Structure formats: C-alpha cells, structure tokens
Amino acid sequence: MEFRLLGPLEVVDDRGTVALRAAKPRAVLAVLLLHANQPVSAERLAAALWGDEVQPDAVRTVRVSWEAARHAGAAMTLDDAVAYALAAPATELPAAQRA
C-alpha cells in the first residue's frame, strides 16, 4: 500500500487506487499520515477536522470516519478509543516523510 499526499490524497494498493470519497475519512487519514506511527487523540483529530468549532458529537464522527478509512484498506489501529494511529512502513509514506 502506498499513500500520496501531494495533490488529492490517494491510497494505492496492488489493485490500484483505493476509493475514499468522503471528506472526513480523507481528512482523518491525512492527519494520521502526517503523524504516521504515532498516536493521535480523538480530540486532536476533531480539532483538525473542525478547528475552533468542534461539534458536540465530534469524537463519534471521528470514530466513524476512522472506520471508513480503515475499511478502505489503511492499516490503522485504535488504542482503547483514546488514540488513533496509522501503522505504515517508511516505504509506504510520501517521500517527504521518509527522510
């Protein structure tokens, strides 16, 4: 699997480009890619999605968006609903993050 951040976010596997159409799952995946192999709290993801106007159901929406991205094929983990992470070898990350 390969992740591409320049231009529109793309996830490519051995079958081709993985469809990830909805904006929030793409945004969750992009934030997790920027912090690959590091835990990111649901609150931090919510702040990335909504900025200063975090919705009351933000944590639930983050969870749903994370599930959608995970079902698209991204190898993501959830640590007791406290933090999310994208587990990705350096070879799968965008070139700028490999250094």
C-alpha atoms as a PDB file:
ATOM      1  CA  MET A   1       0.000   0.000   0.000  1.00  0.00           C
ATOM      2  CA  GLU A   2       1.234   3.484  -0.813  1.00  0.00           C
ATOM      3  CA  PHE A   3      -0.044   6.816   0.466  1.00  0.00           C
ATOM      4  CA  ARG A   4       0.165  10.018  -1.583  1.00  0.00           C
ATOM      5  CA  LEU A   5      -0.399  13.422  -0.005  1.00  0.00           C
ATOM      6  CA  LEU A   6       0.613  15.827  -2.761  1.00  0.00           C
ATOM      7  CA  GLY A   7      -2.465  16.836  -4.716  1.00  0.00           C
ATOM      8  CA  PRO A   8      -5.560  14.905  -3.706  1.00  0.00           C
ATOM      9  CA  LEU A   9      -4.976  12.271  -1.023  1.00  0.00           C
ATOM     10  CA  GLU A  10      -4.597   8.843  -2.618  1.00  0.00           C
ATOM     11  CA  VAL A  11      -4.223   5.354  -1.229  1.00  0.00           C
ATOM     12  CA  VAL A  12      -2.839   2.890  -3.768  1.00  0.00           C
ATOM     13  CA  ASP A  13      -2.617  -0.852  -3.277  1.00  0.00           C
ATOM     14  CA  ASP A  14      -1.790  -3.745  -5.613  1.00  0.00           C
ATOM     15  CA  ARG A  15      -5.264  -3.455  -7.192  1.00  0.00           C
ATOM     16  CA  GLY A  16      -4.974   0.283  -7.902  1.00  0.00           C
ATOM     17  CA  THR A  17      -6.318   3.422  -6.256  1.00  0.00           C
ATOM     18  CA  VAL A  18      -8.499   2.766  -3.211  1.00  0.00           C
ATOM     19  CA  ALA A  19     -11.750   4.745  -3.201  1.00  0.00           C
ATOM     20  CA  LEU A  20     -12.049   7.067  -0.233  1.00  0.00           C
ATOM     21  CA  ARG A  21     -14.671   9.544  -1.380  1.00  0.00           C
ATOM     22  CA  ALA A  22     -15.980  11.217   1.785  1.00  0.00           C
ATOM     23  CA  ALA A  23     -14.116  14.282   3.028  1.00  0.00           C
ATOM     24  CA  LYS A  24     -13.895  13.443   6.741  1.00  0.00           C
ATOM     25  CA  PRO A  25     -12.334   9.968   6.330  1.00  0.00           C
ATOM     26  CA  ARG A  26      -9.812  11.513   3.912  1.00  0.00           C
ATOM     27  CA  ALA A  27      -9.043  14.245   6.445  1.00  0.00           C
ATOM     28  CA  VAL A  28      -8.617  11.726   9.287  1.00  0.00           C
ATOM     29  CA  LEU A  29      -6.284   9.659   7.121  1.00  0.00           C
ATOM     30  CA  ALA A  30      -4.290  12.760   6.108  1.00  0.00           C
ATOM     31  CA  VAL A  31      -3.776  13.800   9.740  1.00  0.00           C
ATOM     32  CA  LEU A  32      -2.747  10.260  10.682  1.00  0.00           C
ATOM     33  CA  LEU A  33      -0.336  10.177   7.742  1.00  0.00           C
ATOM     34  CA  LEU A  34       1.260  13.407   8.940  1.00  0.00           C
ATOM     35  CA  HIS A  35       1.775  11.678  12.298  1.00  0.00           C
ATOM     36  CA  ALA A  36       2.452   8.168  10.971  1.00  0.00           C
ATOM     37  CA  ASN A  37       3.311   5.544  13.583  1.00  0.00           C
ATOM     38  CA  GLN A  38       2.388   7.963  16.393  1.00  0.00           C
ATOM     39  CA  PRO A  39      -0.803   8.002  18.461  1.00  0.00           C
ATOM     40  CA  VAL A  40      -3.180  10.894  17.765  1.00  0.00           C
ATOM     41  CA  SER A  41      -6.002  11.607  20.217  1.00  0.00           C
ATOM     42  CA  ALA A  42      -9.624  11.797  19.110  1.00  0.00           C
ATOM     43  CA  GLU A  43      -9.683  15.385  20.380  1.00  0.00           C
ATOM     44  CA  ARG A  44      -6.704  16.315  18.209  1.00  0.00           C
ATOM     45  CA  LEU A  45      -8.346  14.718  15.174  1.00  0.00           C
ATOM     46  CA  ALA A  46     -11.586  16.578  15.943  1.00  0.00           C
ATOM     47  CA  ALA A  47      -9.677  19.866  16.163  1.00  0.00           C
ATOM     48  CA  ALA A  48      -8.066  19.113  12.796  1.00  0.00           C
ATOM     49  CA  LEU A  49     -11.492  18.444  11.257  1.00  0.00           C
ATOM     50  CA  TRP A  50     -13.449  21.346  12.758  1.00  0.00           C
ATOM     51  CA  GLY A  51     -10.894  23.833  14.097  1.00  0.00           C
ATOM     52  CA  ASP A  52     -12.390  26.047  16.796  1.00  0.00           C
ATOM     53  CA  GLU A  53     -15.943  24.906  16.028  1.00  0.00           C
ATOM     54  CA  VAL A  54     -15.741  21.303  17.260  1.00  0.00           C
ATOM     55  CA  GLN A  55     -19.146  19.641  17.036  1.00  0.00           C
ATOM     56  CA  PRO A  56     -20.763  18.040  20.136  1.00  0.00           C
ATOM     57  CA  ASP A  57     -20.625  14.599  18.502  1.00  0.00           C
ATOM     58  CA  ALA A  58     -17.073  15.088  17.204  1.00  0.00           C
ATOM     59  CA  VAL A  59     -15.498  12.043  18.891  1.00  0.00           C
ATOM     60  CA  ARG A  60     -18.210   9.776  17.449  1.00  0.00           C
ATOM     61  CA  THR A  61     -17.778  11.318  13.999  1.00  0.00           C
ATOM     62  CA  VAL A  62     -14.001  10.843  14.241  1.00  0.00           C
ATOM     63  CA  ARG A  63     -14.599   7.173  15.083  1.00  0.00           C
ATOM     64  CA  VAL A  64     -16.963   6.711  12.109  1.00  0.00           C
ATOM     65  CA  SER A  65     -14.507   8.488   9.786  1.00  0.00           C
ATOM     66  CA  TRP A  66     -11.627   6.367  11.106  1.00  0.00           C
ATOM     67  CA  GLU A  67     -13.669   3.208  10.455  1.00  0.00           C
ATOM     68  CA  ALA A  68     -14.403   4.327   6.878  1.00  0.00           C
ATOM     69  CA  ALA A  69     -10.712   4.966   6.195  1.00  0.00           C
ATOM     70  CA  ARG A  70      -9.744   1.669   7.806  1.00  0.00           C
ATOM     71  CA  HIS A  71     -12.265  -0.247   5.697  1.00  0.00           C
ATOM     72  CA  ALA A  72     -10.756   1.374   2.622  1.00  0.00           C
ATOM     73  CA  GLY A  73      -7.592  -0.543   3.412  1.00  0.00           C
ATOM     74  CA  ALA A  74      -5.444   1.698   5.590  1.00  0.00           C
ATOM     75  CA  ALA A  75      -3.673  -0.215   8.385  1.00  0.00           C
ATOM     76  CA  MET A  76      -4.864   1.873  11.296  1.00  0.00           C
ATOM     77  CA  THR A  77      -5.129   0.995  14.951  1.00  0.00           C
ATOM     78  CA  LEU A  78      -7.262   2.250  17.817  1.00  0.00           C
ATOM     79  CA  ASP A  79      -5.875   2.240  21.349  1.00  0.00           C
ATOM     80  CA  ASP A  80      -8.863   1.825  23.706  1.00  0.00           C
ATOM     81  CA  ALA A  81     -10.744   4.667  21.940  1.00  0.00           C
ATOM     82  CA  VAL A  82      -8.144   7.080  23.307  1.00  0.00           C
ATOM     83  CA  ALA A  83      -5.771   7.447  20.377  1.00  0.00           C
ATOM     84  CA  TYR A  84      -5.675   6.550  16.706  1.00  0.00           C
ATOM     85  CA  ALA A  85      -2.586   5.631  14.698  1.00  0.00           C
ATOM     86  CA  LEU A  86      -1.630   4.736  11.150  1.00  0.00           C
ATOM     87  CA  ALA A  87       0.925   1.944  11.078  1.00  0.00           C
ATOM     88  CA  ALA A  88       2.932   2.370   7.906  1.00  0.00           C
ATOM     89  CA  PRO A  89       6.432   1.325   6.868  1.00  0.00           C
ATOM     90  CA  ALA A  90       8.543   4.212   5.608  1.00  0.00           C
ATOM     91  CA  THR A  91       8.384   2.825   2.075  1.00  0.00           C
ATOM     92  CA  GLU A  92       4.624   3.414   2.022  1.00  0.00           C
ATOM     93  CA  LEU A  93       4.757   7.006   3.239  1.00  0.00           C
ATOM     94  CA  PRO A  94       5.032  10.066   0.995  1.00  0.00           C
ATOM     95  CA  ALA A  95       8.650  10.723   0.014  1.00  0.00           C
ATOM     96  CA  ALA A  96       8.921  13.858   2.189  1.00  0.00           C
ATOM     97  CA  GLN A  97       8.279  11.800   5.319  1.00  0.00           C
ATOM     98  CA  ARG A  98      10.823   9.082   4.525  1.00  0.00           C
ATOM     99  CA  ALA A  99      13.872  11.135   5.468  1.00  0.00           C
END
